[in-house]
Amino acid sequence: MTEETLKASWIQLKGALKQKYAKLTEQDLNYMEGKEEDLYLNLQKKLGKTRADLDHEFETIYANLRTKEEKIKAKLLKLNL
């Protein structure tokens, strides 16, 4: 996942990660621009996953979020909203 995509969608990704991994704290998920490596390293330690695993997880969550958004937009268009 690119840094731009991570930055733009972090709030949504963060929510999904909190739901999936209850042991993650707000501090674990604290994202600061320019500190992406620190975020990844912290999550790797906390979850016991590799960087590649986390990238895959982020991409999967992001894709699911996009799919949900597209379905909502389609329903709204059907309703002419």
N, C-alpha and C. Protein backbone atom coordinates (compact mmCIF):
# COMPACT_ATOMS: atom_id res chain seq x y z
N MET A 1 0.86 -1.17 0.00
CA MET A 1 0.00 0.00 0.00
C MET A 1 0.90 1.23 0.00
N THR A 2 0.58 2.18 -0.84
CA THR A 2 1.40 3.39 -0.90
C THR A 2 1.17 4.26 0.33
N GLU A 3 2.13 5.10 0.63
CA GLU A 3 2.00 6.00 1.77
C GLU A 3 0.79 6.93 1.59
N GLU A 4 0.55 7.38 0.37
CA GLU A 4 -0.58 8.27 0.10
C GLU A 4 -1.91 7.58 0.39
N THR A 5 -2.04 6.33 -0.06
CA THR A 5 -3.27 5.58 0.19
C THR A 5 -3.44 5.31 1.68
N LEU A 6 -2.35 4.95 2.33
CA LEU A 6 -2.38 4.70 3.77
C LEU A 6 -2.84 5.95 4.51
N LYS A 7 -2.26 7.07 4.16
CA LYS A 7 -2.61 8.33 4.81
C LYS A 7 -4.08 8.69 4.58
N ALA A 8 -4.53 8.56 3.33
CA ALA A 8 -5.89 8.97 2.97
C ALA A 8 -6.96 8.08 3.58
N SER A 9 -6.64 6.83 3.80
CA SER A 9 -7.67 5.90 4.28
C SER A 9 -7.40 5.39 5.69
N TRP A 10 -6.47 6.03 6.40
CA TRP A 10 -6.06 5.50 7.69
C TRP A 10 -7.20 5.41 8.70
N ILE A 11 -8.08 6.37 8.77
CA ILE A 11 -9.16 6.34 9.76
C ILE A 11 -10.02 5.09 9.55
N GLN A 12 -10.34 4.79 8.30
CA GLN A 12 -11.16 3.61 8.01
C GLN A 12 -10.37 2.32 8.28
N LEU A 13 -9.12 2.28 7.87
CA LEU A 13 -8.29 1.11 8.12
C LEU A 13 -8.13 0.88 9.62
N LYS A 14 -7.91 1.95 10.34
CA LYS A 14 -7.74 1.88 11.78
C LYS A 14 -8.97 1.25 12.45
N GLY A 15 -10.15 1.69 12.05
CA GLY A 15 -11.38 1.13 12.61
C GLY A 15 -11.51 -0.35 12.33
N ALA A 16 -11.19 -0.76 11.11
CA ALA A 16 -11.28 -2.17 10.75
C ALA A 16 -10.25 -3.00 11.52
N LEU A 17 -9.06 -2.46 11.71
CA LEU A 17 -8.03 -3.17 12.47
C LEU A 17 -8.44 -3.32 13.93
N LYS A 18 -9.04 -2.27 14.49
CA LYS A 18 -9.50 -2.34 15.89
C LYS A 18 -10.57 -3.40 16.06
N GLN A 19 -11.44 -3.54 15.07
CA GLN A 19 -12.48 -4.57 15.13
C GLN A 19 -11.88 -5.97 15.04
N LYS A 20 -10.92 -6.12 14.16
CA LYS A 20 -10.33 -7.44 13.94
C LYS A 20 -9.38 -7.85 15.06
N TYR A 21 -8.63 -6.90 15.57
CA TYR A 21 -7.62 -7.18 16.59
C TYR A 21 -7.93 -6.36 17.85
N ALA A 22 -8.70 -6.93 18.72
CA ALA A 22 -9.14 -6.22 19.93
C ALA A 22 -7.97 -5.81 20.81
N LYS A 23 -6.86 -6.50 20.70
CA LYS A 23 -5.71 -6.19 21.56
C LYS A 23 -4.97 -4.91 21.14
N LEU A 24 -5.27 -4.39 19.97
CA LEU A 24 -4.62 -3.15 19.52
C LEU A 24 -5.20 -1.96 20.27
N THR A 25 -4.32 -1.11 20.74
CA THR A 25 -4.74 0.08 21.47
C THR A 25 -4.70 1.29 20.54
N GLU A 26 -5.24 2.37 21.03
CA GLU A 26 -5.20 3.63 20.28
C GLU A 26 -3.75 4.03 20.01
N GLN A 27 -2.91 3.82 20.99
CA GLN A 27 -1.48 4.14 20.83
C GLN A 27 -0.82 3.27 19.76
N ASP A 28 -1.20 1.99 19.71
CA ASP A 28 -0.66 1.10 18.68
C ASP A 28 -1.01 1.59 17.29
N LEU A 29 -2.17 2.20 17.17
CA LEU A 29 -2.67 2.62 15.86
C LEU A 29 -2.48 4.11 15.60
N ASN A 30 -1.62 4.73 16.37
CA ASN A 30 -1.35 6.16 16.20
C ASN A 30 -0.52 6.36 14.93
N TYR A 31 -1.12 6.99 13.95
CA TYR A 31 -0.45 7.23 12.66
C TYR A 31 0.05 8.66 12.61
N MET A 32 1.33 8.80 12.31
CA MET A 32 1.90 10.14 12.13
C MET A 32 2.58 10.17 10.77
N GLU A 33 2.24 11.20 10.01
CA GLU A 33 2.82 11.35 8.68
C GLU A 33 4.34 11.33 8.78
N GLY A 34 4.96 10.57 7.90
CA GLY A 34 6.41 10.45 7.89
C GLY A 34 6.93 9.38 8.83
N LYS A 35 6.05 8.76 9.60
CA LYS A 35 6.46 7.74 10.57
C LYS A 35 5.82 6.39 10.24
N GLU A 36 5.60 6.13 8.95
CA GLU A 36 4.95 4.91 8.52
C GLU A 36 5.74 3.68 8.96
N GLU A 37 7.07 3.76 8.87
CA GLU A 37 7.90 2.61 9.26
C GLU A 37 7.70 2.28 10.73
N ASP A 38 7.61 3.30 11.57
CA ASP A 38 7.37 3.07 13.00
C ASP A 38 6.04 2.36 13.22
N LEU A 39 5.03 2.78 12.49
CA LEU A 39 3.70 2.16 12.58
C LEU A 39 3.80 0.69 12.21
N TYR A 40 4.43 0.40 11.07
CA TYR A 40 4.57 -0.98 10.63
C TYR A 40 5.36 -1.81 11.64
N LEU A 41 6.47 -1.29 12.14
CA LEU A 41 7.28 -2.04 13.10
C LEU A 41 6.50 -2.34 14.37
N ASN A 42 5.74 -1.36 14.85
CA ASN A 42 4.94 -1.56 16.05
C ASN A 42 3.88 -2.64 15.83
N LEU A 43 3.19 -2.55 14.69
CA LEU A 43 2.16 -3.55 14.39
C LEU A 43 2.76 -4.94 14.17
N GLN A 44 3.94 -4.99 13.56
CA GLN A 44 4.61 -6.27 13.36
C GLN A 44 4.89 -6.93 14.72
N LYS A 45 5.40 -6.15 15.65
CA LYS A 45 5.70 -6.69 16.99
C LYS A 45 4.42 -7.11 17.71
N LYS A 46 3.42 -6.27 17.67
CA LYS A 46 2.18 -6.51 18.42
C LYS A 46 1.41 -7.71 17.87
N LEU A 47 1.39 -7.85 16.53
CA LEU A 47 0.57 -8.89 15.90
C LEU A 47 1.37 -10.12 15.46
N GLY A 48 2.70 -10.03 15.50
CA GLY A 48 3.52 -11.16 15.07
C GLY A 48 3.42 -11.42 13.58
N LYS A 49 3.28 -10.35 12.80
CA LYS A 49 3.14 -10.47 11.34
C LYS A 49 4.33 -9.81 10.66
N THR A 50 4.56 -10.24 9.42
CA THR A 50 5.62 -9.62 8.63
C THR A 50 5.09 -8.34 7.97
N ARG A 51 5.99 -7.58 7.42
CA ARG A 51 5.60 -6.37 6.68
C ARG A 51 4.70 -6.76 5.51
N ALA A 52 5.06 -7.83 4.83
CA ALA A 52 4.25 -8.29 3.69
C ALA A 52 2.85 -8.70 4.14
N ASP A 53 2.78 -9.37 5.31
CA ASP A 53 1.47 -9.75 5.86
C ASP A 53 0.62 -8.50 6.13
N LEU A 54 1.23 -7.50 6.73
CA LEU A 54 0.49 -6.27 7.05
C LEU A 54 0.06 -5.55 5.78
N ASP A 55 0.95 -5.48 4.79
CA ASP A 55 0.57 -4.85 3.52
C ASP A 55 -0.62 -5.57 2.90
N HIS A 56 -0.58 -6.89 2.92
CA HIS A 56 -1.70 -7.68 2.37
C HIS A 56 -2.98 -7.40 3.16
N GLU A 57 -2.86 -7.37 4.47
CA GLU A 57 -4.02 -7.09 5.33
C GLU A 57 -4.61 -5.71 5.03
N PHE A 58 -3.75 -4.71 4.92
CA PHE A 58 -4.21 -3.35 4.61
C PHE A 58 -4.89 -3.30 3.25
N GLU A 59 -4.30 -3.96 2.26
CA GLU A 59 -4.87 -3.97 0.91
C GLU A 59 -6.24 -4.65 0.90
N THR A 60 -6.36 -5.74 1.63
CA THR A 60 -7.62 -6.47 1.70
C THR A 60 -8.71 -5.62 2.36
N ILE A 61 -8.37 -5.01 3.49
CA ILE A 61 -9.32 -4.15 4.19
C ILE A 61 -9.72 -2.99 3.29
N TYR A 62 -8.74 -2.36 2.64
CA TYR A 62 -9.01 -1.22 1.77
C TYR A 62 -9.94 -1.63 0.62
N ALA A 63 -9.68 -2.79 0.03
CA ALA A 63 -10.52 -3.27 -1.08
C ALA A 63 -11.94 -3.52 -0.60
N ASN A 64 -12.08 -4.10 0.58
CA ASN A 64 -13.42 -4.34 1.13
C ASN A 64 -14.15 -3.04 1.40
N LEU A 65 -13.45 -2.06 1.93
CA LEU A 65 -14.06 -0.76 2.18
C LEU A 65 -14.52 -0.10 0.89
N ARG A 66 -13.69 -0.17 -0.14
CA ARG A 66 -14.04 0.41 -1.44
C ARG A 66 -15.27 -0.29 -2.03
N THR A 67 -15.33 -1.61 -1.90
CA THR A 67 -16.47 -2.37 -2.41
C THR A 67 -17.75 -1.95 -1.70
N LYS A 68 -17.68 -1.81 -0.39
CA LYS A 68 -18.85 -1.37 0.38
C LYS A 68 -19.30 0.03 -0.06
N GLU A 69 -18.33 0.93 -0.25
CA GLU A 69 -18.65 2.29 -0.70
C GLU A 69 -19.34 2.27 -2.06
N GLU A 70 -18.82 1.45 -2.97
CA GLU A 70 -19.40 1.37 -4.31
C GLU A 70 -20.83 0.82 -4.27
N LYS A 71 -21.08 -0.15 -3.41
CA LYS A 71 -22.43 -0.71 -3.28
C LYS A 71 -23.39 0.35 -2.75
N ILE A 72 -22.95 1.12 -1.78
CA ILE A 72 -23.79 2.18 -1.22
C ILE A 72 -24.08 3.23 -2.29
N LYS A 73 -23.07 3.62 -3.04
CA LYS A 73 -23.28 4.61 -4.11
C LYS A 73 -24.26 4.09 -5.15
N ALA A 74 -24.15 2.82 -5.50
CA ALA A 74 -25.06 2.23 -6.48
C ALA A 74 -26.50 2.25 -5.98
N LYS A 75 -26.68 1.93 -4.70
CA LYS A 75 -28.03 1.96 -4.12
C LYS A 75 -28.59 3.38 -4.11
N LEU A 76 -27.76 4.34 -3.79
CA LEU A 76 -28.21 5.73 -3.77
C LEU A 76 -28.58 6.21 -5.17
N LEU A 77 -27.80 5.79 -6.16
CA LEU A 77 -28.13 6.16 -7.53
C LEU A 77 -29.46 5.56 -7.96
N LYS A 78 -29.73 4.34 -7.52
CA LYS A 78 -31.01 3.70 -7.83
C LYS A 78 -32.17 4.48 -7.23
N LEU A 79 -31.91 5.05 -6.06
CA LEU A 79 -32.96 5.81 -5.37
C LEU A 79 -32.98 7.27 -5.80
N ASN A 80 -32.09 7.62 -6.74
CA ASN A 80 -31.96 9.00 -7.22
C ASN A 80 -31.62 9.99 -6.11
N LEU A 81 -30.73 9.59 -5.22
CA LEU A 81 -30.31 10.48 -4.14
C LEU A 81 -28.99 11.09 -4.42
